[in-house]
Amino acid sequence: MVEVPVWGWHWSRPGDARMPWRHAFRLPLSEEAVRRKRAAVQAFTSQLRRDPSTGSGPVLRATTVQRAARPYEVVFL
């Protein structure tokens, strides 16, 4: 089983004892995979903008978008 800490990055940072870092693995991505990931994030513009009906900020913070552009993923094995 492989776990991806998609939402874990919202409440955790590297070294946080609540995360299973001893099982962490850096998975390199191809240029094509990185391109597709960036395109997928940009396709959901509603997640990137402020919600005018509630005044809430974007669901995907700038740091989340930056992580999606990395040439690797951190996964837990």
PDB file of N, CA and C in Angstrom:
ATOM      1  N   MET A   1       0.852  -1.170   0.000  1.00  0.00           N
ATOM      2  CA  MET A   1       0.000   0.000   0.000  1.00  0.00           C
ATOM      3  C   MET A   1       0.897   1.232   0.000  1.00  0.00           C
ATOM      4  N   VAL A   2       0.495   2.235  -0.752  1.00  0.00           N
ATOM      5  CA  VAL A   2       1.192   3.516  -0.806  1.00  0.00           C
ATOM      6  C   VAL A   2       0.204   4.595  -0.379  1.00  0.00           C
ATOM      7  N   GLU A   3       0.626   5.443   0.539  1.00  0.00           N
ATOM      8  CA  GLU A   3      -0.217   6.555   0.991  1.00  0.00           C
ATOM      9  C   GLU A   3       0.412   7.870   0.544  1.00  0.00           C
ATOM     10  N   VAL A   4      -0.432   8.777   0.088  1.00  0.00           N
ATOM     11  CA  VAL A   4       0.008  10.103  -0.329  1.00  0.00           C
ATOM     12  C   VAL A   4      -0.592  11.112   0.650  1.00  0.00           C
ATOM     13  N   PRO A   5       0.236  11.897   1.333  1.00  0.00           N
ATOM     14  CA  PRO A   5      -0.279  12.816   2.357  1.00  0.00           C
ATOM     15  C   PRO A   5      -0.847  14.108   1.774  1.00  0.00           C
ATOM     16  N   VAL A   6      -1.833  13.982   0.907  1.00  0.00           N
ATOM     17  CA  VAL A   6      -2.405  15.154   0.236  1.00  0.00           C
ATOM     18  C   VAL A   6      -2.841  16.214   1.244  1.00  0.00           C
ATOM     19  N   TRP A   7      -3.692  15.854   2.174  1.00  0.00           N
ATOM     20  CA  TRP A   7      -4.185  16.837   3.148  1.00  0.00           C
ATOM     21  C   TRP A   7      -3.280  16.937   4.364  1.00  0.00           C
ATOM     22  N   GLY A   8      -2.412  15.951   4.554  1.00  0.00           N
ATOM     23  CA  GLY A   8      -1.468  15.997   5.673  1.00  0.00           C
ATOM     24  C   GLY A   8      -0.579  17.220   5.631  1.00  0.00           C
ATOM     25  N   TRP A   9      -0.275  17.702   4.424  1.00  0.00           N
ATOM     26  CA  TRP A   9       0.571  18.897   4.305  1.00  0.00           C
ATOM     27  C   TRP A   9      -0.132  20.141   4.834  1.00  0.00           C
ATOM     28  N   HIS A  10      -1.442  20.103   4.974  1.00  0.00           N
ATOM     29  CA  HIS A  10      -2.172  21.274   5.485  1.00  0.00           C
ATOM     30  C   HIS A  10      -1.967  21.460   6.981  1.00  0.00           C
ATOM     31  N   TRP A  11      -1.739  20.376   7.682  1.00  0.00           N
ATOM     32  CA  TRP A  11      -1.609  20.470   9.144  1.00  0.00           C
ATOM     33  C   TRP A  11      -0.264  19.976   9.653  1.00  0.00           C
ATOM     34  N   SER A  12       0.593  19.508   8.767  1.00  0.00           N
ATOM     35  CA  SER A  12       1.867  18.934   9.176  1.00  0.00           C
ATOM     36  C   SER A  12       3.018  19.525   8.378  1.00  0.00           C
ATOM     37  N   ARG A  13       4.199  19.365   8.916  1.00  0.00           N
ATOM     38  CA  ARG A  13       5.433  19.778   8.249  1.00  0.00           C
ATOM     39  C   ARG A  13       6.420  18.617   8.373  1.00  0.00           C
ATOM     40  N   PRO A  14       7.451  18.600   7.503  1.00  0.00           N
ATOM     41  CA  PRO A  14       8.463  17.536   7.646  1.00  0.00           C
ATOM     42  C   PRO A  14       9.006  17.485   9.074  1.00  0.00           C
ATOM     43  N   GLY A  15       9.097  16.275   9.592  1.00  0.00           N
ATOM     44  CA  GLY A  15       9.573  16.071  10.954  1.00  0.00           C
ATOM     45  C   GLY A  15       8.472  15.980  11.992  1.00  0.00           C
ATOM     46  N   ASP A  16       7.243  16.342  11.645  1.00  0.00           N
ATOM     47  CA  ASP A  16       6.110  16.271  12.571  1.00  0.00           C
ATOM     48  C   ASP A  16       5.953  14.827  13.041  1.00  0.00           C
ATOM     49  N   ALA A  17       5.946  14.606  14.338  1.00  0.00           N
ATOM     50  CA  ALA A  17       5.889  13.260  14.915  1.00  0.00           C
ATOM     51  C   ALA A  17       4.583  12.526  14.592  1.00  0.00           C
ATOM     52  N   ARG A  18       3.556  13.231  14.167  1.00  0.00           N
ATOM     53  CA  ARG A  18       2.278  12.578  13.855  1.00  0.00           C
ATOM     54  C   ARG A  18       2.294  11.878  12.496  1.00  0.00           C
ATOM     55  N   MET A  19       3.334  12.119  11.715  1.00  0.00           N
ATOM     56  CA  MET A  19       3.434  11.522  10.379  1.00  0.00           C
ATOM     57  C   MET A  19       4.452  10.372  10.420  1.00  0.00           C
ATOM     58  N   PRO A  20       4.237   9.318   9.634  1.00  0.00           N
ATOM     59  CA  PRO A  20       5.142   8.155   9.649  1.00  0.00           C
ATOM     60  C   PRO A  20       6.386   8.359   8.768  1.00  0.00           C
ATOM     61  N   TRP A  21       7.216   9.306   9.122  1.00  0.00           N
ATOM     62  CA  TRP A  21       8.362   9.670   8.277  1.00  0.00           C
ATOM     63  C   TRP A  21       9.314   8.510   8.013  1.00  0.00           C
ATOM     64  N   ARG A  22       9.383   7.546   8.904  1.00  0.00           N
ATOM     65  CA  ARG A  22      10.303   6.422   8.676  1.00  0.00           C
ATOM     66  C   ARG A  22       9.873   5.592   7.469  1.00  0.00           C
ATOM     67  N   HIS A  23       8.640   5.776   7.024  1.00  0.00           N
ATOM     68  CA  HIS A  23       8.131   5.068   5.848  1.00  0.00           C
ATOM     69  C   HIS A  23       8.077   5.970   4.611  1.00  0.00           C
ATOM     70  N   ALA A  24       8.623   7.183   4.724  1.00  0.00           N
ATOM     71  CA  ALA A  24       8.563   8.138   3.619  1.00  0.00           C
ATOM     72  C   ALA A  24       9.503   7.733   2.488  1.00  0.00           C
ATOM     73  N   PHE A  25       9.068   7.995   1.278  1.00  0.00           N
ATOM     74  CA  PHE A  25       9.847   7.701   0.085  1.00  0.00           C
ATOM     75  C   PHE A  25       9.635   8.846  -0.896  1.00  0.00           C
ATOM     76  N   ARG A  26      10.728   9.316  -1.486  1.00  0.00           N
ATOM     77  CA  ARG A  26      10.641  10.369  -2.504  1.00  0.00           C
ATOM     78  C   ARG A  26      10.519   9.690  -3.861  1.00  0.00           C
ATOM     79  N   LEU A  27       9.402   9.897  -4.527  1.00  0.00           N
ATOM     80  CA  LEU A  27       9.100   9.269  -5.803  1.00  0.00           C
ATOM     81  C   LEU A  27       9.326  10.275  -6.927  1.00  0.00           C
ATOM     82  N   PRO A  28      10.390  10.118  -7.723  1.00  0.00           N
ATOM     83  CA  PRO A  28      10.640  11.049  -8.834  1.00  0.00           C
ATOM     84  C   PRO A  28       9.538  10.927  -9.885  1.00  0.00           C
ATOM     85  N   LEU A  29       9.200  12.047 -10.499  1.00  0.00           N
ATOM     86  CA  LEU A  29       8.167  12.069 -11.542  1.00  0.00           C
ATOM     87  C   LEU A  29       8.787  12.464 -12.875  1.00  0.00           C
ATOM     88  N   SER A  30       8.232  11.935 -13.930  1.00  0.00           N
ATOM     89  CA  SER A  30       8.684  12.314 -15.266  1.00  0.00           C
ATOM     90  C   SER A  30       8.211  13.737 -15.570  1.00  0.00           C
ATOM     91  N   GLU A  31       8.834  14.352 -16.557  1.00  0.00           N
ATOM     92  CA  GLU A  31       8.397  15.693 -16.972  1.00  0.00           C
ATOM     93  C   GLU A  31       6.941  15.668 -17.406  1.00  0.00           C
ATOM     94  N   GLU A  32       6.528  14.607 -18.059  1.00  0.00           N
ATOM     95  CA  GLU A  32       5.139  14.478 -18.502  1.00  0.00           C
ATOM     96  C   GLU A  32       4.188  14.401 -17.306  1.00  0.00           C
ATOM     97  N   ALA A  33       4.556  13.651 -16.287  1.00  0.00           N
ATOM     98  CA  ALA A  33       3.708  13.549 -15.093  1.00  0.00           C
ATOM     99  C   ALA A  33       3.585  14.904 -14.408  1.00  0.00           C
ATOM    100  N   VAL A  34       4.674  15.637 -14.318  1.00  0.00           N
ATOM    101  CA  VAL A  34       4.642  16.974 -13.707  1.00  0.00           C
ATOM    102  C   VAL A  34       3.749  17.894 -14.529  1.00  0.00           C
ATOM    103  N   ARG A  35       3.885  17.845 -15.844  1.00  0.00           N
ATOM    104  CA  ARG A  35       3.048  18.680 -16.717  1.00  0.00           C
ATOM    105  C   ARG A  35       1.568  18.352 -16.521  1.00  0.00           C
ATOM    106  N   ARG A  36       1.245  17.080 -16.449  1.00  0.00           N
ATOM    107  CA  ARG A  36      -0.156  16.671 -16.276  1.00  0.00           C
ATOM    108  C   ARG A  36      -0.699  17.084 -14.910  1.00  0.00           C
ATOM    109  N   LYS A  37       0.136  16.973 -13.895  1.00  0.00           N
ATOM    110  CA  LYS A  37      -0.290  17.387 -12.555  1.00  0.00           C
ATOM    111  C   LYS A  37      -0.596  18.880 -12.524  1.00  0.00           C
ATOM    112  N   ARG A  38       0.286  19.677 -13.111  1.00  0.00           N
ATOM    113  CA  ARG A  38       0.051  21.128 -13.164  1.00  0.00           C
ATOM    114  C   ARG A  38      -1.231  21.440 -13.920  1.00  0.00           C
ATOM    115  N   ALA A  39      -1.441  20.771 -15.041  1.00  0.00           N
ATOM    116  CA  ALA A  39      -2.650  20.993 -15.835  1.00  0.00           C
ATOM    117  C   ALA A  39      -3.900  20.609 -15.048  1.00  0.00           C
ATOM    118  N   ALA A  40      -3.823  19.519 -14.296  1.00  0.00           N
ATOM    119  CA  ALA A  40      -4.974  19.084 -13.499  1.00  0.00           C
ATOM    120  C   ALA A  40      -5.323  20.120 -12.436  1.00  0.00           C
ATOM    121  N   VAL A  41      -4.324  20.656 -11.770  1.00  0.00           N
ATOM    122  CA  VAL A  41      -4.576  21.682 -10.746  1.00  0.00           C
ATOM    123  C   VAL A  41      -5.227  22.900 -11.388  1.00  0.00           C
ATOM    124  N   GLN A  42      -4.697  23.339 -12.511  1.00  0.00           N
ATOM    125  CA  GLN A  42      -5.233  24.536 -13.175  1.00  0.00           C
ATOM    126  C   GLN A  42      -6.635  24.320 -13.749  1.00  0.00           C
ATOM    127  N   ALA A  43      -7.011  23.068 -14.003  1.00  0.00           N
ATOM    128  CA  ALA A  43      -8.334  22.761 -14.559  1.00  0.00           C
ATOM    129  C   ALA A  43      -9.460  23.028 -13.563  1.00  0.00           C
ATOM    130  N   PHE A  44      -9.126  23.022 -12.270  1.00  0.00           N
ATOM    131  CA  PHE A  44     -10.145  23.220 -11.242  1.00  0.00           C
ATOM    132  C   PHE A  44     -10.045  24.631 -10.674  1.00  0.00           C
ATOM    133  N   THR A  45     -10.360  25.612 -11.525  1.00  0.00           N
ATOM    134  CA  THR A  45     -10.203  27.011 -11.127  1.00  0.00           C
ATOM    135  C   THR A  45     -11.053  27.375  -9.916  1.00  0.00           C
ATOM    136  N   SER A  46     -12.158  26.673  -9.706  1.00  0.00           N
ATOM    137  CA  SER A  46     -12.991  26.979  -8.542  1.00  0.00           C
ATOM    138  C   SER A  46     -12.224  26.713  -7.241  1.00  0.00           C
ATOM    139  N   GLN A  47     -11.229  25.840  -7.288  1.00  0.00           N
ATOM    140  CA  GLN A  47     -10.434  25.524  -6.102  1.00  0.00           C
ATOM    141  C   GLN A  47      -9.306  26.529  -5.880  1.00  0.00           C
ATOM    142  N   LEU A  48      -9.044  27.354  -6.882  1.00  0.00           N
ATOM    143  CA  LEU A  48      -7.928  28.296  -6.844  1.00  0.00           C
ATOM    144  C   LEU A  48      -8.355  29.723  -6.519  1.00  0.00           C
ATOM    145  N   ARG A  49      -9.667  29.961  -6.537  1.00  0.00           N
ATOM    146  CA  ARG A  49     -10.186  31.322  -6.331  1.00  0.00           C
ATOM    147  C   ARG A  49     -10.932  31.433  -5.005  1.00  0.00           C
ATOM    148  N   ARG A  50     -11.036  32.649  -4.546  1.00  0.00           N
ATOM    149  CA  ARG A  50     -11.834  32.964  -3.363  1.00  0.00           C
ATOM    150  C   ARG A  50     -13.306  32.688  -3.676  1.00  0.00           C
ATOM    151  N   ASP A  51     -14.056  32.205  -2.711  1.00  0.00           N
ATOM    152  CA  ASP A  51     -15.483  31.936  -2.903  1.00  0.00           C
ATOM    153  C   ASP A  51     -16.253  33.209  -2.586  1.00  0.00           C
ATOM    154  N   PRO A  52     -16.795  33.875  -3.611  1.00  0.00           N
ATOM    155  CA  PRO A  52     -17.508  35.138  -3.363  1.00  0.00           C
ATOM    156  C   PRO A  52     -18.785  34.970  -2.541  1.00  0.00           C
ATOM    157  N   SER A  53     -19.374  33.775  -2.543  1.00  0.00           N
ATOM    158  CA  SER A  53     -20.620  33.583  -1.803  1.00  0.00           C
ATOM    159  C   SER A  53     -20.386  33.459  -0.300  1.00  0.00           C
ATOM    160  N   THR A  54     -19.190  33.014   0.100  1.00  0.00           N
ATOM    161  CA  THR A  54     -18.908  32.847   1.527  1.00  0.00           C
ATOM    162  C   THR A  54     -17.770  33.731   2.022  1.00  0.00           C
ATOM    163  N   GLY A  55     -16.983  34.238   1.069  1.00  0.00           N
ATOM    164  CA  GLY A  55     -15.812  35.022   1.455  1.00  0.00           C
ATOM    165  C   GLY A  55     -14.615  34.170   1.838  1.00  0.00           C
ATOM    166  N   SER A  56     -14.777  32.856   1.752  1.00  0.00           N
ATOM    167  CA  SER A  56     -13.678  31.953   2.092  1.00  0.00           C
ATOM    168  C   SER A  56     -12.586  32.022   1.032  1.00  0.00           C
ATOM    169  N   GLY A  57     -11.367  31.773   1.470  1.00  0.00           N
ATOM    170  CA  GLY A  57     -10.248  31.747   0.548  1.00  0.00           C
ATOM    171  C   GLY A  57     -10.269  30.500  -0.317  1.00  0.00           C
ATOM    172  N   PRO A  58      -9.322  30.391  -1.226  1.00  0.00           N
ATOM    173  CA  PRO A  58      -9.253  29.221  -2.101  1.00  0.00           C
ATOM    174  C   PRO A  58      -9.077  27.928  -1.301  1.00  0.00           C
ATOM    175  N   VAL A  59      -9.625  26.846  -1.797  1.00  0.00           N
ATOM    176  CA  VAL A  59      -9.445  25.543  -1.159  1.00  0.00           C
ATOM    177  C   VAL A  59      -7.979  25.134  -1.268  1.00  0.00           C
ATOM    178  N   LEU A  60      -7.405  25.357  -2.442  1.00  0.00           N
ATOM    179  CA  LEU A  60      -5.993  25.029  -2.659  1.00  0.00           C
ATOM    180  C   LEU A  60      -5.145  26.267  -2.398  1.00  0.00           C
ATOM    181  N   ARG A  61      -4.389  26.218  -1.318  1.00  0.00           N
ATOM    182  CA  ARG A  61      -3.520  27.337  -0.978  1.00  0.00           C
ATOM    183  C   ARG A  61      -2.349  27.403  -1.949  1.00  0.00           C
ATOM    184  N   ALA A  62      -1.648  28.520  -1.952  1.00  0.00           N
ATOM    185  CA  ALA A  62      -0.486  28.698  -2.825  1.00  0.00           C
ATOM    186  C   ALA A  62       0.552  27.613  -2.578  1.00  0.00           C
ATOM    187  N   THR A  63       0.734  27.216  -1.321  1.00  0.00           N
ATOM    188  CA  THR A  63       1.717  26.172  -1.014  1.00  0.00           C
ATOM    189  C   THR A  63       1.302  24.820  -1.605  1.00  0.00           C
ATOM    190  N   THR A  64       0.006  24.573  -1.661  1.00  0.00           N
ATOM    191  CA  THR A  64      -0.484  23.331  -2.257  1.00  0.00           C
ATOM    192  C   THR A  64      -0.209  23.316  -3.753  1.00  0.00           C
ATOM    193  N   VAL A  65      -0.449  24.438  -4.398  1.00  0.00           N
ATOM    194  CA  VAL A  65      -0.184  24.553  -5.838  1.00  0.00           C
ATOM    195  C   VAL A  65       1.317  24.401  -6.104  1.00  0.00           C
ATOM    196  N   GLN A  66       2.142  24.978  -5.248  1.00  0.00           N
ATOM    197  CA  GLN A  66       3.597  24.841  -5.402  1.00  0.00           C
ATOM    198  C   GLN A  66       4.025  23.383  -5.268  1.00  0.00           C
ATOM    199  N   ARG A  67       3.467  22.671  -4.305  1.00  0.00           N
ATOM    200  CA  ARG A  67       3.804  21.251  -4.138  1.00  0.00           C
ATOM    201  C   ARG A  67       3.419  20.448  -5.372  1.00  0.00           C
ATOM    202  N   ALA A  68       2.317  20.796  -5.990  1.00  0.00           N
ATOM    203  CA  ALA A  68       1.869  20.075  -7.187  1.00  0.00           C
ATOM    204  C   ALA A  68       2.837  20.272  -8.352  1.00  0.00           C
ATOM    205  N   ALA A  69       3.656  21.298  -8.300  1.00  0.00           N
ATOM    206  CA  ALA A  69       4.604  21.576  -9.384  1.00  0.00           C
ATOM    207  C   ALA A  69       5.961  20.903  -9.165  1.00  0.00           C
ATOM    208  N   ARG A  70       6.158  20.259  -8.023  1.00  0.00           N
ATOM    209  CA  ARG A  70       7.456  19.618  -7.748  1.00  0.00           C
ATOM    210  C   ARG A  70       7.681  18.435  -8.684  1.00  0.00           C
ATOM    211  N   PRO A  71       8.942  18.143  -8.992  1.00  0.00           N
ATOM    212  CA  PRO A  71       9.231  17.005  -9.865  1.00  0.00           C
ATOM    213  C   PRO A  71       9.278  15.674  -9.107  1.00  0.00           C
ATOM    214  N   TYR A  72       8.650  15.624  -7.959  1.00  0.00           N
ATOM    215  CA  TYR A  72       8.594  14.404  -7.158  1.00  0.00           C
ATOM    216  C   TYR A  72       7.371  14.449  -6.249  1.00  0.00           C
ATOM    217  N   GLU A  73       7.036  13.302  -5.700  1.00  0.00           N
ATOM    218  CA  GLU A  73       5.999  13.192  -4.669  1.00  0.00           C
ATOM    219  C   GLU A  73       6.621  12.528  -3.459  1.00  0.00           C
ATOM    220  N   VAL A  74       6.136  12.864  -2.287  1.00  0.00           N
ATOM    221  CA  VAL A  74       6.513  12.160  -1.070  1.00  0.00           C
ATOM    222  C   VAL A  74       5.356  11.217  -0.769  1.00  0.00           C
ATOM    223  N   VAL A  75       5.681   9.944  -0.663  1.00  0.00           N
ATOM    224  CA  VAL A  75       4.670   8.934  -0.351  1.00  0.00           C
ATOM    225  C   VAL A  75       5.154   8.125   0.846  1.00  0.00           C
ATOM    226  N   PHE A  76       4.228   7.428   1.462  1.00  0.00           N
ATOM    227  CA  PHE A  76       4.552   6.550   2.576  1.00  0.00           C
ATOM    228  C   PHE A  76       4.296   5.113   2.144  1.00  0.00           C
ATOM    229  N   LEU A  77       5.299   4.286   2.318  1.00  0.00           N
ATOM    230  CA  LEU A  77       5.182   2.866   1.923  1.00  0.00           C
ATOM    231  C   LEU A  77       4.805   2.027   3.123  1.00  0.00           C
TER     232      LEU A  77
END
